N, C-alpha and C. Protein backbone atom coordinates (compact mmCIF):
# COMPACT_ATOMS: atom_id res chain seq x y z
N MET A 1 79.49 201.40 -46.71
CA MET A 1 80.56 201.35 -45.73
C MET A 1 81.69 200.44 -46.24
N LEU A 2 81.35 199.27 -46.77
CA LEU A 2 82.36 198.36 -47.29
C LEU A 2 83.07 198.95 -48.49
N ASN A 3 82.31 199.65 -49.32
CA ASN A 3 82.91 200.30 -50.48
C ASN A 3 83.93 201.35 -50.06
N SER A 4 83.59 202.12 -49.05
CA SER A 4 84.51 203.16 -48.59
C SER A 4 85.76 202.55 -47.95
N LEU A 5 85.58 201.41 -47.30
CA LEU A 5 86.72 200.73 -46.70
C LEU A 5 87.66 200.21 -47.79
N ILE A 6 87.09 199.62 -48.83
CA ILE A 6 87.91 199.09 -49.93
C ILE A 6 88.66 200.21 -50.64
N THR A 7 88.00 201.30 -50.89
CA THR A 7 88.68 202.41 -51.57
C THR A 7 89.69 203.07 -50.66
N ALA A 8 89.45 203.12 -49.37
CA ALA A 8 90.39 203.75 -48.44
C ALA A 8 91.66 202.93 -48.30
N LEU A 9 91.52 201.61 -48.25
CA LEU A 9 92.70 200.74 -48.09
C LEU A 9 93.32 200.36 -49.43
N ASP A 10 92.61 200.57 -50.50
CA ASP A 10 93.06 200.22 -51.85
C ASP A 10 93.47 198.74 -51.90
N LEU A 11 92.52 197.87 -51.63
CA LEU A 11 92.76 196.44 -51.60
C LEU A 11 92.82 195.81 -52.99
N LYS A 12 92.63 196.60 -54.02
CA LYS A 12 92.69 196.05 -55.37
C LYS A 12 94.10 195.58 -55.73
N ILE A 13 95.11 196.11 -55.05
CA ILE A 13 96.48 195.70 -55.38
C ILE A 13 96.74 194.25 -54.98
N PHE A 14 95.91 193.69 -54.10
CA PHE A 14 96.08 192.30 -53.67
C PHE A 14 95.25 191.33 -54.48
N SER A 15 94.51 191.78 -55.46
CA SER A 15 93.67 190.88 -56.25
C SER A 15 94.55 189.99 -57.11
N PRO A 16 94.06 188.80 -57.47
CA PRO A 16 94.88 187.86 -58.25
C PRO A 16 95.25 188.34 -59.65
N SER A 17 94.64 189.39 -60.13
CA SER A 17 94.99 189.90 -61.45
C SER A 17 96.08 190.96 -61.40
N GLU A 18 96.41 191.44 -60.23
CA GLU A 18 97.48 192.44 -60.07
C GLU A 18 98.81 191.74 -59.81
N PRO A 19 99.93 192.39 -60.12
CA PRO A 19 101.25 191.76 -59.92
C PRO A 19 101.52 191.33 -58.47
N LEU A 20 101.13 192.14 -57.51
CA LEU A 20 101.36 191.78 -56.11
C LEU A 20 100.51 190.57 -55.71
N GLY A 21 99.29 190.50 -56.22
CA GLY A 21 98.42 189.35 -55.94
C GLY A 21 98.97 188.07 -56.55
N ILE A 22 99.51 188.18 -57.76
CA ILE A 22 100.12 187.01 -58.42
C ILE A 22 101.34 186.55 -57.63
N LEU A 23 102.13 187.49 -57.14
CA LEU A 23 103.31 187.14 -56.32
C LEU A 23 102.88 186.44 -55.03
N ILE A 24 101.84 186.93 -54.41
CA ILE A 24 101.36 186.31 -53.17
C ILE A 24 100.87 184.89 -53.45
N LEU A 25 100.13 184.70 -54.54
CA LEU A 25 99.67 183.35 -54.90
C LEU A 25 100.84 182.42 -55.19
N PHE A 26 101.84 182.91 -55.91
CA PHE A 26 103.00 182.10 -56.24
C PHE A 26 103.77 181.70 -54.98
N LEU A 27 103.97 182.64 -54.06
CA LEU A 27 104.66 182.32 -52.81
C LEU A 27 103.85 181.35 -51.97
N GLY A 28 102.53 181.47 -52.01
CA GLY A 28 101.68 180.53 -51.29
C GLY A 28 101.79 179.13 -51.84
N LEU A 29 101.87 178.99 -53.17
CA LEU A 29 102.03 177.68 -53.78
C LEU A 29 103.38 177.06 -53.42
N ILE A 30 104.43 177.86 -53.42
CA ILE A 30 105.76 177.35 -53.04
C ILE A 30 105.75 176.90 -51.58
N PHE A 31 105.19 177.71 -50.70
CA PHE A 31 105.13 177.37 -49.28
C PHE A 31 104.32 176.09 -49.07
N THR A 32 103.18 175.97 -49.74
CA THR A 32 102.35 174.78 -49.61
C THR A 32 103.09 173.54 -50.10
N GLY A 33 103.80 173.67 -51.21
CA GLY A 33 104.58 172.55 -51.72
C GLY A 33 105.67 172.12 -50.74
N MET A 34 106.33 173.09 -50.12
CA MET A 34 107.36 172.76 -49.15
C MET A 34 106.77 172.05 -47.95
N ILE A 35 105.62 172.48 -47.48
CA ILE A 35 104.98 171.84 -46.33
C ILE A 35 104.60 170.40 -46.67
N PHE A 36 104.03 170.18 -47.85
CA PHE A 36 103.67 168.82 -48.24
C PHE A 36 104.90 167.94 -48.40
N TYR A 37 106.01 168.50 -48.91
CA TYR A 37 107.24 167.73 -49.04
C TYR A 37 107.77 167.34 -47.66
N ILE A 38 107.74 168.26 -46.71
CA ILE A 38 108.21 167.96 -45.35
C ILE A 38 107.35 166.87 -44.72
N ILE A 39 106.05 166.97 -44.90
CA ILE A 39 105.15 165.93 -44.35
C ILE A 39 105.44 164.59 -44.99
N TYR A 40 105.71 164.56 -46.30
CA TYR A 40 106.03 163.31 -46.99
C TYR A 40 107.32 162.70 -46.47
N VAL A 41 108.35 163.52 -46.32
CA VAL A 41 109.66 163.02 -45.86
C VAL A 41 109.55 162.48 -44.44
N VAL A 42 108.83 163.17 -43.58
CA VAL A 42 108.70 162.72 -42.20
C VAL A 42 107.88 161.43 -42.13
N SER A 43 106.87 161.32 -42.97
CA SER A 43 106.00 160.14 -42.89
C SER A 43 106.67 158.90 -43.47
N THR A 44 107.62 159.04 -44.40
CA THR A 44 108.29 157.86 -44.95
C THR A 44 109.36 157.33 -44.02
N ASN A 45 109.85 158.14 -43.07
CA ASN A 45 110.78 157.72 -42.03
C ASN A 45 112.04 157.10 -42.61
N LYS A 46 112.66 157.77 -43.57
CA LYS A 46 113.91 157.28 -44.15
C LYS A 46 115.08 157.87 -43.36
N GLU A 47 116.01 157.00 -43.01
CA GLU A 47 117.18 157.45 -42.28
C GLU A 47 118.30 157.76 -43.27
N SER A 48 119.07 158.75 -42.96
CA SER A 48 120.22 159.04 -43.78
C SER A 48 121.34 158.06 -43.46
N ILE A 49 122.33 158.01 -44.30
CA ILE A 49 123.46 157.09 -44.11
C ILE A 49 124.20 157.44 -42.82
N GLU A 50 124.35 158.73 -42.56
CA GLU A 50 125.03 159.15 -41.34
C GLU A 50 124.27 158.71 -40.09
N ASP A 51 122.94 158.83 -40.13
CA ASP A 51 122.14 158.39 -38.98
C ASP A 51 122.31 156.90 -38.73
N LYS A 52 122.35 156.10 -39.79
CA LYS A 52 122.53 154.66 -39.63
C LYS A 52 123.89 154.34 -39.03
N LYS A 53 124.94 155.04 -39.48
CA LYS A 53 126.28 154.82 -38.95
C LYS A 53 126.34 155.16 -37.47
N ILE A 54 125.75 156.30 -37.10
CA ILE A 54 125.75 156.72 -35.70
C ILE A 54 124.99 155.72 -34.85
N ARG A 55 123.84 155.25 -35.35
CA ARG A 55 123.02 154.31 -34.57
C ARG A 55 123.75 152.99 -34.37
N THR A 56 124.39 152.47 -35.43
CA THR A 56 125.12 151.19 -35.28
C THR A 56 126.32 151.36 -34.35
N LYS A 57 126.97 152.52 -34.41
CA LYS A 57 128.11 152.76 -33.52
C LYS A 57 127.65 152.80 -32.06
N LYS A 58 126.51 153.44 -31.81
CA LYS A 58 125.98 153.49 -30.44
C LYS A 58 125.58 152.11 -29.96
N GLU A 59 125.01 151.30 -30.84
CA GLU A 59 124.61 149.95 -30.45
C GLU A 59 125.82 149.09 -30.11
N THR A 60 126.89 149.19 -30.89
CA THR A 60 128.09 148.41 -30.59
C THR A 60 128.73 148.87 -29.28
N LEU A 61 128.76 150.18 -29.05
CA LEU A 61 129.29 150.67 -27.78
C LEU A 61 128.45 150.19 -26.60
N GLN A 62 127.14 150.17 -26.79
CA GLN A 62 126.27 149.69 -25.72
C GLN A 62 126.51 148.21 -25.44
N LYS A 63 126.67 147.42 -26.49
CA LYS A 63 126.95 145.99 -26.30
C LYS A 63 128.29 145.77 -25.62
N GLU A 64 129.30 146.57 -25.98
CA GLU A 64 130.60 146.45 -25.33
C GLU A 64 130.50 146.79 -23.84
N LYS A 65 129.77 147.84 -23.51
CA LYS A 65 129.62 148.23 -22.10
C LYS A 65 128.87 147.16 -21.32
N ILE A 66 127.84 146.61 -21.92
CA ILE A 66 127.09 145.53 -21.25
C ILE A 66 127.99 144.32 -21.08
N GLY A 67 128.81 144.02 -22.09
CA GLY A 67 129.73 142.90 -21.99
C GLY A 67 130.76 143.08 -20.88
N LYS A 68 131.18 144.33 -20.65
CA LYS A 68 132.12 144.59 -19.56
C LYS A 68 131.45 144.46 -18.20
N LEU A 69 130.20 144.89 -18.12
CA LEU A 69 129.48 144.81 -16.85
C LEU A 69 129.11 143.38 -16.50
N PHE A 70 128.71 142.62 -17.48
CA PHE A 70 128.27 141.25 -17.25
C PHE A 70 129.08 140.29 -18.13
N PRO A 71 130.31 140.00 -17.72
CA PRO A 71 131.12 139.10 -18.54
C PRO A 71 130.52 137.70 -18.53
N ARG A 72 130.68 137.02 -19.63
CA ARG A 72 130.16 135.66 -19.73
C ARG A 72 131.01 134.71 -18.90
N LYS A 73 130.32 133.82 -18.24
CA LYS A 73 131.04 132.82 -17.45
C LYS A 73 131.44 131.68 -18.39
N ASN A 74 132.41 130.93 -17.94
CA ASN A 74 132.85 129.78 -18.73
C ASN A 74 131.68 128.80 -18.87
N LYS A 75 131.51 128.24 -20.05
CA LYS A 75 130.40 127.32 -20.30
C LYS A 75 130.48 126.08 -19.40
N PHE A 76 131.68 125.68 -19.08
CA PHE A 76 131.87 124.42 -18.39
C PHE A 76 131.88 124.58 -16.86
N ASN A 77 131.61 125.78 -16.37
CA ASN A 77 131.58 125.99 -14.92
C ASN A 77 130.48 125.18 -14.25
N CYS A 78 129.42 124.92 -14.97
CA CYS A 78 128.31 124.21 -14.35
C CYS A 78 128.67 122.73 -14.13
N PHE A 79 129.67 122.23 -14.82
CA PHE A 79 130.04 120.81 -14.68
C PHE A 79 131.10 120.61 -13.58
N ILE A 80 131.73 121.71 -13.18
CA ILE A 80 132.76 121.58 -12.15
C ILE A 80 132.08 121.63 -10.79
N THR A 81 132.34 120.66 -10.00
CA THR A 81 131.76 120.62 -8.65
C THR A 81 132.89 120.76 -7.66
N SER A 82 132.58 121.37 -6.58
CA SER A 82 133.58 121.54 -5.55
C SER A 82 133.70 120.25 -4.73
N LYS A 83 134.91 119.96 -4.30
CA LYS A 83 135.13 118.73 -3.50
C LYS A 83 134.77 119.03 -2.07
N GLN A 84 134.03 118.13 -1.48
CA GLN A 84 133.66 118.31 -0.08
C GLN A 84 134.12 117.18 0.76
């Protein structure tokens, strides 16, 4: 039964010794290499220069907004007492 299935589907074209099988193996190696490269890049967590610029710009904008919401009081206000 298995022999008849193999001959009916002609699965020999996918064997590693046939050109199509070699192409499939080669594409599998390229795909595997790309996946390992992506995993390596993600695991090292390196930021691009553009990402760093955007992050620092957002942080400065956030600090400016916080500074507008909560302005610093004069340092010497604690020494001034009201006359009663």
